[in-house]
Amino acid sequence: MAETILTSAAYDSKIEGNIIFTRLDSAINWMRKNSLWPMPMGLACCAIELMATASSRYDIARFGAEVMRFSPRQADVMIVAGTVTYKMALAVKRIWDQMPEPKWCIAMGACASSGGMYRSYAVLQGIDRIIPVDVYISGCPPRPEALLEGLMRLQRKIDGEKSFVDQKKELLASLRA
């Protein structure tokens, strides 16, 4: 009986679940990946599927991305959904430049990824010609499930990112070389 009292006195169960050991970079990446604020850039029929993803059936809120921001200064993920014409490309680029760092881009659908079926002088053959794309989602138009899979792929990418300090050191080293 005395043995049980000593072990229970040496073990404090109130502290057990309240301490977490991690690196600061890991904690920041965890926060970033679970609180993505998308900037919907719905330019064609893919935008309907983007809107459907926010409905209760697909529930994009499970991934912390339910807060669709229509202001570039409050968003960190641009979802380009649909055909990008050259006339609209400058506006997309301007909005991308106004978004704060860190920022990511998802190209949703065949038209945003590669121009789709439009081999025309008026259609940009892929949004990656003007802004960097992190995740490509195929389909014409892609289903809401595909967008959720692309969002999870982006979360995995964010989870593995290096710290900002390391990225800055790499940039300075590349500029010196």
C-alpha atoms as a PDB file:
ATOM      1  CA  MET A   1       0.000   0.000   0.000  1.00  0.00           C
ATOM      2  CA  ALA A   2       2.832   2.422   0.853  1.00  0.00           C
ATOM      3  CA  GLU A   3       4.406   1.652  -2.508  1.00  0.00           C
ATOM      4  CA  THR A   4       1.285   2.828  -4.342  1.00  0.00           C
ATOM      5  CA  ILE A   5       1.151   6.085  -2.409  1.00  0.00           C
ATOM      6  CA  LEU A   6       4.756   6.914  -3.297  1.00  0.00           C
ATOM      7  CA  THR A   7       4.259   6.250  -7.008  1.00  0.00           C
ATOM      8  CA  SER A   8       1.106   8.324  -7.155  1.00  0.00           C
ATOM      9  CA  ALA A   9       2.841  11.155  -5.285  1.00  0.00           C
ATOM     10  CA  ALA A  10       5.783  11.099  -7.703  1.00  0.00           C
ATOM     11  CA  TYR A  11       3.485  11.130 -10.733  1.00  0.00           C
ATOM     12  CA  ASP A  12       1.390  14.213 -11.357  1.00  0.00           C
ATOM     13  CA  SER A  13      -1.289  13.462 -13.950  1.00  0.00           C
ATOM     14  CA  LYS A  14      -2.335  17.124 -14.176  1.00  0.00           C
ATOM     15  CA  ILE A  15       0.853  18.028 -16.048  1.00  0.00           C
ATOM     16  CA  GLU A  16       0.942  15.045 -18.403  1.00  0.00           C
ATOM     17  CA  GLY A  17      -1.059  16.408 -21.337  1.00  0.00           C
ATOM     18  CA  ASN A  18      -0.062  20.057 -21.078  1.00  0.00           C
ATOM     19  CA  ILE A  19       3.583  20.030 -22.178  1.00  0.00           C
ATOM     20  CA  ILE A  20       4.624  19.893 -25.803  1.00  0.00           C
ATOM     21  CA  PHE A  21       8.189  19.870 -27.053  1.00  0.00           C
ATOM     22  CA  THR A  22       8.710  21.049 -30.619  1.00  0.00           C
ATOM     23  CA  ARG A  23      10.752  23.368 -32.767  1.00  0.00           C
ATOM     24  CA  LEU A  24       9.450  26.857 -33.429  1.00  0.00           C
ATOM     25  CA  ASP A  25       9.521  26.252 -37.208  1.00  0.00           C
ATOM     26  CA  SER A  26       7.360  23.153 -36.813  1.00  0.00           C
ATOM     27  CA  ALA A  27       4.843  25.014 -34.676  1.00  0.00           C
ATOM     28  CA  ILE A  28       4.654  27.907 -37.141  1.00  0.00           C
ATOM     29  CA  ASN A  29       4.234  25.538 -40.102  1.00  0.00           C
ATOM     30  CA  TRP A  30       1.517  23.675 -38.199  1.00  0.00           C
ATOM     31  CA  MET A  31      -0.336  26.959 -37.585  1.00  0.00           C
ATOM     32  CA  ARG A  32       0.070  28.063 -41.202  1.00  0.00           C
ATOM     33  CA  LYS A  33      -1.148  24.810 -42.712  1.00  0.00           C
ATOM     34  CA  ASN A  34      -4.242  24.693 -40.506  1.00  0.00           C
ATOM     35  CA  SER A  35      -5.363  28.291 -41.069  1.00  0.00           C
ATOM     36  CA  LEU A  36      -5.194  28.898 -44.806  1.00  0.00           C
ATOM     37  CA  TRP A  37      -7.221  31.843 -46.038  1.00  0.00           C
ATOM     38  CA  PRO A  38      -7.989  31.391 -49.741  1.00  0.00           C
ATOM     39  CA  MET A  39      -8.327  34.196 -52.244  1.00  0.00           C
ATOM     40  CA  PRO A  40     -10.784  32.745 -54.782  1.00  0.00           C
ATOM     41  CA  MET A  41      -9.889  33.816 -58.295  1.00  0.00           C
ATOM     42  CA  GLY A  42     -12.878  32.266 -60.077  1.00  0.00           C
ATOM     43  CA  LEU A  43     -12.572  33.088 -63.745  1.00  0.00           C
ATOM     44  CA  ALA A  44     -14.701  30.422 -65.463  1.00  0.00           C
ATOM     45  CA  CYS A  45     -16.696  27.237 -64.864  1.00  0.00           C
ATOM     46  CA  CYS A  46     -14.198  25.886 -62.297  1.00  0.00           C
ATOM     47  CA  ALA A  47     -15.375  28.644 -59.974  1.00  0.00           C
ATOM     48  CA  ILE A  48     -18.709  26.833 -59.522  1.00  0.00           C
ATOM     49  CA  GLU A  49     -16.848  23.779 -58.221  1.00  0.00           C
ATOM     50  CA  LEU A  50     -14.777  26.070 -55.988  1.00  0.00           C
ATOM     51  CA  MET A  51     -17.991  27.488 -54.515  1.00  0.00           C
ATOM     52  CA  ALA A  52     -19.401  23.985 -54.030  1.00  0.00           C
ATOM     53  CA  THR A  53     -16.337  23.060 -51.969  1.00  0.00           C
ATOM     54  CA  ALA A  54     -17.368  25.621 -49.359  1.00  0.00           C
ATOM     55  CA  SER A  55     -20.846  24.080 -49.010  1.00  0.00           C
ATOM     56  CA  SER A  56     -21.828  21.809 -46.146  1.00  0.00           C
ATOM     57  CA  ARG A  57     -21.536  18.670 -48.274  1.00  0.00           C
ATOM     58  CA  TYR A  58     -17.792  19.041 -48.836  1.00  0.00           C
ATOM     59  CA  ASP A  59     -16.988  21.319 -45.888  1.00  0.00           C
ATOM     60  CA  ILE A  60     -13.665  23.013 -46.626  1.00  0.00           C
ATOM     61  CA  ALA A  61     -13.818  24.233 -43.010  1.00  0.00           C
ATOM     62  CA  ARG A  62     -12.338  20.877 -41.908  1.00  0.00           C
ATOM     63  CA  PHE A  63      -9.020  22.133 -43.253  1.00  0.00           C
ATOM     64  CA  GLY A  64      -9.177  25.606 -41.747  1.00  0.00           C
ATOM     65  CA  ALA A  65      -9.823  27.240 -45.124  1.00  0.00           C
ATOM     66  CA  GLU A  66     -13.450  28.305 -44.779  1.00  0.00           C
ATOM     67  CA  VAL A  67     -12.594  31.999 -44.558  1.00  0.00           C
ATOM     68  CA  MET A  68     -12.689  33.005 -48.224  1.00  0.00           C
ATOM     69  CA  ARG A  69     -11.040  36.400 -48.419  1.00  0.00           C
ATOM     70  CA  PHE A  70     -11.780  38.713 -51.293  1.00  0.00           C
ATOM     71  CA  SER A  71      -9.076  41.100 -50.215  1.00  0.00           C
ATOM     72  CA  PRO A  72      -5.556  40.119 -51.290  1.00  0.00           C
ATOM     73  CA  ARG A  73      -4.012  41.641 -48.181  1.00  0.00           C
ATOM     74  CA  GLN A  74      -5.944  39.222 -45.977  1.00  0.00           C
ATOM     75  CA  ALA A  75      -5.346  36.034 -47.990  1.00  0.00           C
ATOM     76  CA  ASP A  76      -2.419  33.652 -48.236  1.00  0.00           C
ATOM     77  CA  VAL A  77      -3.596  31.092 -50.839  1.00  0.00           C
ATOM     78  CA  MET A  78      -4.725  32.125 -54.302  1.00  0.00           C
ATOM     79  CA  ILE A  79      -6.950  29.546 -55.977  1.00  0.00           C
ATOM     80  CA  VAL A  80      -6.952  30.297 -59.698  1.00  0.00           C
ATOM     81  CA  ALA A  81     -10.025  28.498 -61.018  1.00  0.00           C
ATOM     82  CA  GLY A  82     -10.673  28.693 -64.738  1.00  0.00           C
ATOM     83  CA  THR A  83      -9.488  30.207 -67.976  1.00  0.00           C
ATOM     84  CA  VAL A  84      -7.019  33.061 -67.647  1.00  0.00           C
ATOM     85  CA  THR A  85      -7.048  35.417 -70.597  1.00  0.00           C
ATOM     86  CA  TYR A  86      -4.194  37.804 -71.294  1.00  0.00           C
ATOM     87  CA  LYS A  87      -6.532  40.682 -70.495  1.00  0.00           C
ATOM     88  CA  MET A  88      -7.192  39.216 -67.033  1.00  0.00           C
ATOM     89  CA  ALA A  89      -3.603  38.018 -66.448  1.00  0.00           C
ATOM     90  CA  LEU A  90      -2.358  41.465 -65.451  1.00  0.00           C
ATOM     91  CA  ALA A  91      -5.099  41.785 -62.831  1.00  0.00           C
ATOM     92  CA  VAL A  92      -4.297  38.302 -61.446  1.00  0.00           C
ATOM     93  CA  LYS A  93      -0.602  39.236 -61.244  1.00  0.00           C
ATOM     94  CA  ARG A  94      -1.402  42.529 -59.501  1.00  0.00           C
ATOM     95  CA  ILE A  95      -3.559  40.764 -56.923  1.00  0.00           C
ATOM     96  CA  TRP A  96      -0.813  38.149 -56.389  1.00  0.00           C
ATOM     97  CA  ASP A  97       1.745  40.894 -55.787  1.00  0.00           C
ATOM     98  CA  GLN A  98      -0.526  42.492 -53.158  1.00  0.00           C
ATOM     99  CA  MET A  99      -0.756  39.288 -51.117  1.00  0.00           C
ATOM    100  CA  PRO A 100       1.596  39.172 -48.098  1.00  0.00           C
ATOM    101  CA  GLU A 101       4.316  36.546 -47.695  1.00  0.00           C
ATOM    102  CA  PRO A 102       4.181  33.623 -47.208  1.00  0.00           C
ATOM    103  CA  LYS A 103       1.721  32.932 -50.003  1.00  0.00           C
ATOM    104  CA  TRP A 104       0.828  29.933 -52.106  1.00  0.00           C
ATOM    105  CA  CYS A 105      -1.036  29.285 -55.343  1.00  0.00           C
ATOM    106  CA  ILE A 106      -3.338  26.466 -56.459  1.00  0.00           C
ATOM    107  CA  ALA A 107      -4.073  26.137 -60.190  1.00  0.00           C
ATOM    108  CA  MET A 108      -7.520  24.566 -60.364  1.00  0.00           C
ATOM    109  CA  GLY A 109      -8.548  22.933 -63.612  1.00  0.00           C
ATOM    110  CA  ALA A 110      -7.059  22.308 -67.026  1.00  0.00           C
ATOM    111  CA  CYS A 111      -7.463  25.906 -68.177  1.00  0.00           C
ATOM    112  CA  ALA A 112      -5.598  27.417 -65.226  1.00  0.00           C
ATOM    113  CA  SER A 113      -2.897  24.752 -65.431  1.00  0.00           C
ATOM    114  CA  SER A 114      -2.252  24.658 -69.174  1.00  0.00           C
ATOM    115  CA  GLY A 115      -4.760  26.756 -71.077  1.00  0.00           C
ATOM    116  CA  GLY A 116      -7.075  23.768 -71.425  1.00  0.00           C
ATOM    117  CA  MET A 117      -8.772  23.313 -74.770  1.00  0.00           C
ATOM    118  CA  TYR A 118      -8.208  26.943 -75.710  1.00  0.00           C
ATOM    119  CA  ARG A 119      -5.159  27.216 -77.983  1.00  0.00           C
ATOM    120  CA  SER A 120      -5.925  30.827 -78.703  1.00  0.00           C
ATOM    121  CA  TYR A 121      -4.003  34.074 -78.926  1.00  0.00           C
ATOM    122  CA  ALA A 122      -6.222  35.429 -76.126  1.00  0.00           C
ATOM    123  CA  VAL A 123      -5.720  32.658 -73.521  1.00  0.00           C
ATOM    124  CA  LEU A 124      -2.711  32.343 -71.237  1.00  0.00           C
ATOM    125  CA  GLN A 125      -1.339  28.797 -71.529  1.00  0.00           C
ATOM    126  CA  GLY A 126      -0.971  28.204 -67.809  1.00  0.00           C
ATOM    127  CA  ILE A 127      -0.985  30.557 -64.845  1.00  0.00           C
ATOM    128  CA  ASP A 128       2.537  29.405 -63.972  1.00  0.00           C
ATOM    129  CA  ARG A 129       3.840  31.712 -66.678  1.00  0.00           C
ATOM    130  CA  ILE A 130       3.139  34.755 -64.495  1.00  0.00           C
ATOM    131  CA  ILE A 131       2.989  33.467 -60.885  1.00  0.00           C
ATOM    132  CA  PRO A 132       4.558  30.427 -59.171  1.00  0.00           C
ATOM    133  CA  VAL A 133       2.140  27.539 -58.688  1.00  0.00           C
ATOM    134  CA  ASP A 134       2.464  25.190 -55.714  1.00  0.00           C
ATOM    135  CA  VAL A 135      -0.298  22.681 -56.491  1.00  0.00           C
ATOM    136  CA  TYR A 136      -1.929  21.733 -59.803  1.00  0.00           C
ATOM    137  CA  ILE A 137      -5.409  20.198 -59.826  1.00  0.00           C
ATOM    138  CA  SER A 138      -6.406  18.415 -63.024  1.00  0.00           C
ATOM    139  CA  GLY A 139      -9.881  18.104 -64.463  1.00  0.00           C
ATOM    140  CA  CYS A 140     -12.342  20.020 -66.559  1.00  0.00           C
ATOM    141  CA  PRO A 141     -13.827  21.093 -64.230  1.00  0.00           C
ATOM    142  CA  PRO A 142     -12.314  19.311 -61.255  1.00  0.00           C
ATOM    143  CA  ARG A 143     -14.692  18.014 -58.611  1.00  0.00           C
ATOM    144  CA  PRO A 144     -14.749  19.564 -55.145  1.00  0.00           C
ATOM    145  CA  GLU A 145     -13.062  16.427 -53.818  1.00  0.00           C
ATOM    146  CA  ALA A 146     -10.108  17.154 -56.112  1.00  0.00           C
ATOM    147  CA  LEU A 147      -9.786  20.669 -54.664  1.00  0.00           C
ATOM    148  CA  LEU A 148      -9.829  19.222 -51.148  1.00  0.00           C
ATOM    149  CA  GLU A 149      -7.078  16.766 -52.176  1.00  0.00           C
ATOM    150  CA  GLY A 150      -5.084  19.684 -53.609  1.00  0.00           C
ATOM    151  CA  LEU A 151      -5.567  21.592 -50.365  1.00  0.00           C
ATOM    152  CA  MET A 152      -4.276  18.621 -48.377  1.00  0.00           C
ATOM    153  CA  ARG A 153      -1.289  18.392 -50.738  1.00  0.00           C
ATOM    154  CA  LEU A 154      -0.580  22.080 -50.089  1.00  0.00           C
ATOM    155  CA  GLN A 155      -0.815  21.465 -46.338  1.00  0.00           C
ATOM    156  CA  ARG A 156       1.787  18.684 -46.610  1.00  0.00           C
ATOM    157  CA  LYS A 157       4.037  21.033 -48.580  1.00  0.00           C
ATOM    158  CA  ILE A 158       3.686  23.813 -45.990  1.00  0.00           C
ATOM    159  CA  ASP A 159       4.388  21.343 -43.174  1.00  0.00           C
ATOM    160  CA  GLY A 160       7.783  20.543 -44.701  1.00  0.00           C
ATOM    161  CA  GLU A 161       8.919  24.112 -45.392  1.00  0.00           C
ATOM    162  CA  LYS A 162      12.158  25.442 -43.972  1.00  0.00           C
ATOM    163  CA  SER A 163      12.222  28.338 -41.592  1.00  0.00           C
ATOM    164  CA  PHE A 164      12.160  31.865 -42.907  1.00  0.00           C
ATOM    165  CA  VAL A 165      15.672  32.440 -41.571  1.00  0.00           C
ATOM    166  CA  ASP A 166      17.012  29.441 -43.553  1.00  0.00           C
ATOM    167  CA  GLN A 167      15.211  30.620 -46.695  1.00  0.00           C
ATOM    168  CA  LYS A 168      16.719  34.086 -46.283  1.00  0.00           C
ATOM    169  CA  LYS A 169      20.223  32.620 -45.858  1.00  0.00           C
ATOM    170  CA  GLU A 170      19.785  30.548 -49.031  1.00  0.00           C
ATOM    171  CA  LEU A 171      18.613  33.614 -50.938  1.00  0.00           C
ATOM    172  CA  LEU A 172      21.588  35.676 -49.780  1.00  0.00           C
ATOM    173  CA  ALA A 173      23.982  32.834 -50.670  1.00  0.00           C
ATOM    174  CA  SER A 174      22.488  32.559 -54.164  1.00  0.00           C
ATOM    175  CA  LEU A 175      22.753  36.324 -54.672  1.00  0.00           C
ATOM    176  CA  ARG A 176      26.430  36.311 -53.683  1.00  0.00           C
ATOM    177  CA  ALA A 177      27.267  33.478 -56.079  1.00  0.00           C
END
